[in-house]
Amino acid sequence: FIYRHDTEGHFSYVSSSVDQTLGYSVEEFKVHYSKYLTSGSVNEKVEEHTALSIQGIQQPPYEVQIFHKNGTIKKTKH
């Protein structure tokens, strides 16, 4: 799935495939995005990658761990 948001976390786009990937509707994902990230070590650099992206510095693809709606943990690439 693909999403885009501004520096204040307002989403301008979330692809409908978020439902197939994580079991959440687009609206559910927008409202609770930060709660879906796991505390796993894979996510330690998410904020850094996001901050650099906002500054216009292109980031290589990276993995993020997120909770599927059914409670399982999924890895996705950003």
N, C-alpha and C. Protein backbone atom coordinates (compact mmCIF):
# COMPACT_ATOMS: atom_id res chain seq x y z
N PHE A 1 0.84 -1.18 0.00
CA PHE A 1 0.00 0.00 0.00
C PHE A 1 0.88 1.23 0.00
N ILE A 2 0.31 2.34 -0.41
CA ILE A 2 1.03 3.59 -0.52
C ILE A 2 0.26 4.66 0.23
N TYR A 3 0.98 5.55 0.89
CA TYR A 3 0.32 6.68 1.52
C TYR A 3 1.20 7.91 1.44
N ARG A 4 0.57 9.05 1.62
CA ARG A 4 1.29 10.32 1.59
C ARG A 4 0.65 11.22 2.66
N HIS A 5 1.51 11.90 3.43
CA HIS A 5 0.98 12.85 4.42
C HIS A 5 1.93 14.03 4.54
N ASP A 6 1.41 15.10 5.13
CA ASP A 6 2.24 16.30 5.30
C ASP A 6 3.01 16.20 6.61
N THR A 7 3.75 17.26 6.93
CA THR A 7 4.60 17.24 8.12
C THR A 7 3.82 17.21 9.42
N GLU A 8 2.54 17.51 9.35
CA GLU A 8 1.70 17.48 10.55
C GLU A 8 0.89 16.19 10.66
N GLY A 9 1.15 15.27 9.74
CA GLY A 9 0.48 13.97 9.81
C GLY A 9 -0.87 13.91 9.14
N HIS A 10 -1.25 14.93 8.37
CA HIS A 10 -2.52 14.90 7.65
C HIS A 10 -2.33 14.15 6.34
N PHE A 11 -3.07 13.09 6.19
CA PHE A 11 -2.93 12.25 5.01
C PHE A 11 -3.62 12.89 3.81
N SER A 12 -2.92 12.91 2.69
CA SER A 12 -3.52 13.36 1.45
C SER A 12 -3.85 12.18 0.55
N TYR A 13 -3.29 11.01 0.87
CA TYR A 13 -3.57 9.83 0.07
C TYR A 13 -3.23 8.57 0.84
N VAL A 14 -4.10 7.60 0.78
CA VAL A 14 -3.84 6.23 1.25
C VAL A 14 -4.47 5.31 0.23
N SER A 15 -3.67 4.40 -0.32
CA SER A 15 -4.21 3.50 -1.34
C SER A 15 -5.18 2.51 -0.71
N SER A 16 -6.14 2.09 -1.50
CA SER A 16 -7.14 1.15 -0.99
C SER A 16 -6.54 -0.22 -0.69
N SER A 17 -5.34 -0.50 -1.18
CA SER A 17 -4.71 -1.79 -0.90
C SER A 17 -4.29 -1.93 0.56
N VAL A 18 -4.41 -0.86 1.37
CA VAL A 18 -4.13 -0.97 2.79
C VAL A 18 -5.08 -2.01 3.42
N ASP A 19 -6.27 -2.11 2.89
CA ASP A 19 -7.23 -3.09 3.38
C ASP A 19 -6.74 -4.51 3.12
N GLN A 20 -6.25 -4.77 1.91
CA GLN A 20 -5.74 -6.10 1.57
C GLN A 20 -4.48 -6.43 2.36
N THR A 21 -3.64 -5.44 2.58
CA THR A 21 -2.35 -5.67 3.24
C THR A 21 -2.48 -5.78 4.75
N LEU A 22 -3.26 -4.86 5.35
CA LEU A 22 -3.31 -4.79 6.81
C LEU A 22 -4.69 -4.98 7.42
N GLY A 23 -5.71 -5.10 6.58
CA GLY A 23 -7.04 -5.35 7.10
C GLY A 23 -7.78 -4.10 7.56
N TYR A 24 -7.21 -2.93 7.39
CA TYR A 24 -7.84 -1.68 7.81
C TYR A 24 -8.43 -0.95 6.62
N SER A 25 -9.54 -0.28 6.83
CA SER A 25 -10.06 0.60 5.79
C SER A 25 -9.13 1.81 5.70
N VAL A 26 -9.25 2.56 4.63
CA VAL A 26 -8.43 3.77 4.46
C VAL A 26 -8.67 4.71 5.63
N GLU A 27 -9.92 4.90 6.02
CA GLU A 27 -10.23 5.82 7.12
C GLU A 27 -9.67 5.33 8.45
N GLU A 28 -9.76 4.03 8.73
CA GLU A 28 -9.18 3.48 9.96
C GLU A 28 -7.68 3.73 10.00
N PHE A 29 -7.01 3.50 8.89
CA PHE A 29 -5.57 3.69 8.83
C PHE A 29 -5.20 5.15 9.08
N LYS A 30 -5.93 6.08 8.49
CA LYS A 30 -5.64 7.50 8.67
C LYS A 30 -5.77 7.93 10.13
N VAL A 31 -6.77 7.43 10.80
CA VAL A 31 -7.05 7.85 12.17
C VAL A 31 -6.07 7.25 13.17
N HIS A 32 -5.67 6.01 12.96
CA HIS A 32 -4.89 5.30 13.96
C HIS A 32 -3.51 4.86 13.49
N TYR A 33 -2.97 5.52 12.48
CA TYR A 33 -1.70 5.09 11.88
C TYR A 33 -0.60 4.84 12.91
N SER A 34 -0.37 5.76 13.83
CA SER A 34 0.74 5.62 14.77
C SER A 34 0.56 4.44 15.71
N LYS A 35 -0.65 4.00 15.94
CA LYS A 35 -0.90 2.86 16.83
C LYS A 35 -0.60 1.54 16.15
N TYR A 36 -0.48 1.54 14.83
CA TYR A 36 -0.25 0.31 14.10
C TYR A 36 1.21 -0.08 14.04
N LEU A 37 2.11 0.88 14.26
CA LEU A 37 3.53 0.57 14.25
C LEU A 37 3.88 -0.26 15.49
N THR A 38 4.66 -1.30 15.31
CA THR A 38 5.10 -2.08 16.46
C THR A 38 6.27 -1.38 17.12
N SER A 39 6.65 -1.84 18.28
CA SER A 39 7.82 -1.27 18.97
C SER A 39 9.08 -2.05 18.61
N GLY A 40 9.02 -2.88 17.59
CA GLY A 40 10.16 -3.68 17.18
C GLY A 40 11.32 -2.84 16.68
N SER A 41 12.51 -3.40 16.73
CA SER A 41 13.72 -2.68 16.33
C SER A 41 13.69 -2.28 14.86
N VAL A 42 12.91 -2.97 14.05
CA VAL A 42 12.79 -2.64 12.63
C VAL A 42 12.30 -1.19 12.47
N ASN A 43 11.50 -0.71 13.40
CA ASN A 43 10.90 0.61 13.28
C ASN A 43 11.73 1.74 13.88
N GLU A 44 12.90 1.45 14.39
CA GLU A 44 13.70 2.49 15.04
C GLU A 44 14.03 3.66 14.13
N LYS A 45 14.16 3.44 12.85
CA LYS A 45 14.57 4.50 11.93
C LYS A 45 13.41 5.12 11.16
N VAL A 46 12.19 4.74 11.46
CA VAL A 46 11.04 5.26 10.73
C VAL A 46 10.98 6.79 10.83
N GLU A 47 11.12 7.33 12.02
CA GLU A 47 11.05 8.78 12.19
C GLU A 47 12.18 9.48 11.45
N GLU A 48 13.36 8.89 11.48
CA GLU A 48 14.50 9.47 10.77
C GLU A 48 14.25 9.49 9.26
N HIS A 49 13.81 8.37 8.72
CA HIS A 49 13.50 8.30 7.29
C HIS A 49 12.43 9.31 6.91
N THR A 50 11.40 9.42 7.75
CA THR A 50 10.31 10.35 7.47
C THR A 50 10.81 11.79 7.49
N ALA A 51 11.59 12.15 8.49
CA ALA A 51 12.12 13.51 8.59
C ALA A 51 12.98 13.86 7.39
N LEU A 52 13.83 12.94 6.97
CA LEU A 52 14.69 13.18 5.81
C LEU A 52 13.86 13.30 4.53
N SER A 53 12.83 12.50 4.41
CA SER A 53 11.95 12.57 3.24
C SER A 53 11.26 13.93 3.17
N ILE A 54 10.81 14.42 4.32
CA ILE A 54 10.14 15.72 4.38
C ILE A 54 11.10 16.83 3.93
N GLN A 55 12.38 16.65 4.22
CA GLN A 55 13.40 17.63 3.82
C GLN A 55 13.74 17.51 2.34
N GLY A 56 13.13 16.55 1.66
CA GLY A 56 13.37 16.37 0.24
C GLY A 56 14.52 15.44 -0.08
N ILE A 57 15.02 14.73 0.93
CA ILE A 57 16.12 13.79 0.73
C ILE A 57 15.52 12.42 0.45
N GLN A 58 15.71 11.95 -0.76
CA GLN A 58 15.14 10.66 -1.14
C GLN A 58 15.72 9.55 -0.28
N GLN A 59 14.87 8.66 0.17
CA GLN A 59 15.26 7.55 1.02
C GLN A 59 15.16 6.23 0.26
N PRO A 60 16.07 5.32 0.54
CA PRO A 60 15.95 4.00 -0.08
C PRO A 60 14.76 3.26 0.54
N PRO A 61 14.25 2.24 -0.13
CA PRO A 61 13.17 1.46 0.48
C PRO A 61 13.61 0.90 1.83
N TYR A 62 12.70 0.84 2.77
CA TYR A 62 13.00 0.29 4.08
C TYR A 62 11.77 -0.44 4.62
N GLU A 63 12.01 -1.37 5.53
CA GLU A 63 10.92 -2.16 6.09
C GLU A 63 10.36 -1.51 7.34
N VAL A 64 9.07 -1.70 7.53
CA VAL A 64 8.36 -1.23 8.71
C VAL A 64 7.53 -2.40 9.23
N GLN A 65 7.52 -2.58 10.54
CA GLN A 65 6.64 -3.60 11.14
C GLN A 65 5.38 -2.91 11.62
N ILE A 66 4.25 -3.50 11.29
CA ILE A 66 2.98 -2.90 11.65
C ILE A 66 2.02 -4.03 12.04
N PHE A 67 1.12 -3.71 12.96
CA PHE A 67 0.14 -4.70 13.38
C PHE A 67 -0.97 -4.79 12.35
N HIS A 68 -1.26 -6.01 11.91
CA HIS A 68 -2.43 -6.27 11.07
C HIS A 68 -3.65 -6.14 11.97
N LYS A 69 -4.78 -5.84 11.41
CA LYS A 69 -6.00 -5.69 12.19
C LYS A 69 -6.31 -6.93 13.02
N ASN A 70 -5.90 -8.11 12.53
CA ASN A 70 -6.18 -9.35 13.26
C ASN A 70 -5.17 -9.62 14.38
N GLY A 71 -4.22 -8.70 14.59
CA GLY A 71 -3.27 -8.82 15.69
C GLY A 71 -1.91 -9.38 15.30
N THR A 72 -1.79 -9.94 14.10
CA THR A 72 -0.49 -10.45 13.69
C THR A 72 0.41 -9.29 13.26
N ILE A 73 1.70 -9.55 13.23
CA ILE A 73 2.67 -8.53 12.83
C ILE A 73 3.05 -8.77 11.38
N LYS A 74 3.01 -7.70 10.60
CA LYS A 74 3.38 -7.75 9.19
C LYS A 74 4.55 -6.82 8.96
N LYS A 75 5.38 -7.17 8.00
CA LYS A 75 6.44 -6.26 7.55
C LYS A 75 6.03 -5.73 6.21
N THR A 76 6.18 -4.43 6.03
CA THR A 76 5.88 -3.79 4.76
C THR A 76 7.10 -2.98 4.35
N LYS A 77 7.25 -2.77 3.07
CA LYS A 77 8.34 -1.94 2.57
C LYS A 77 7.83 -0.56 2.25
N HIS A 78 8.62 0.44 2.64
CA HIS A 78 8.31 1.85 2.29
C HIS A 78 9.37 2.34 1.36
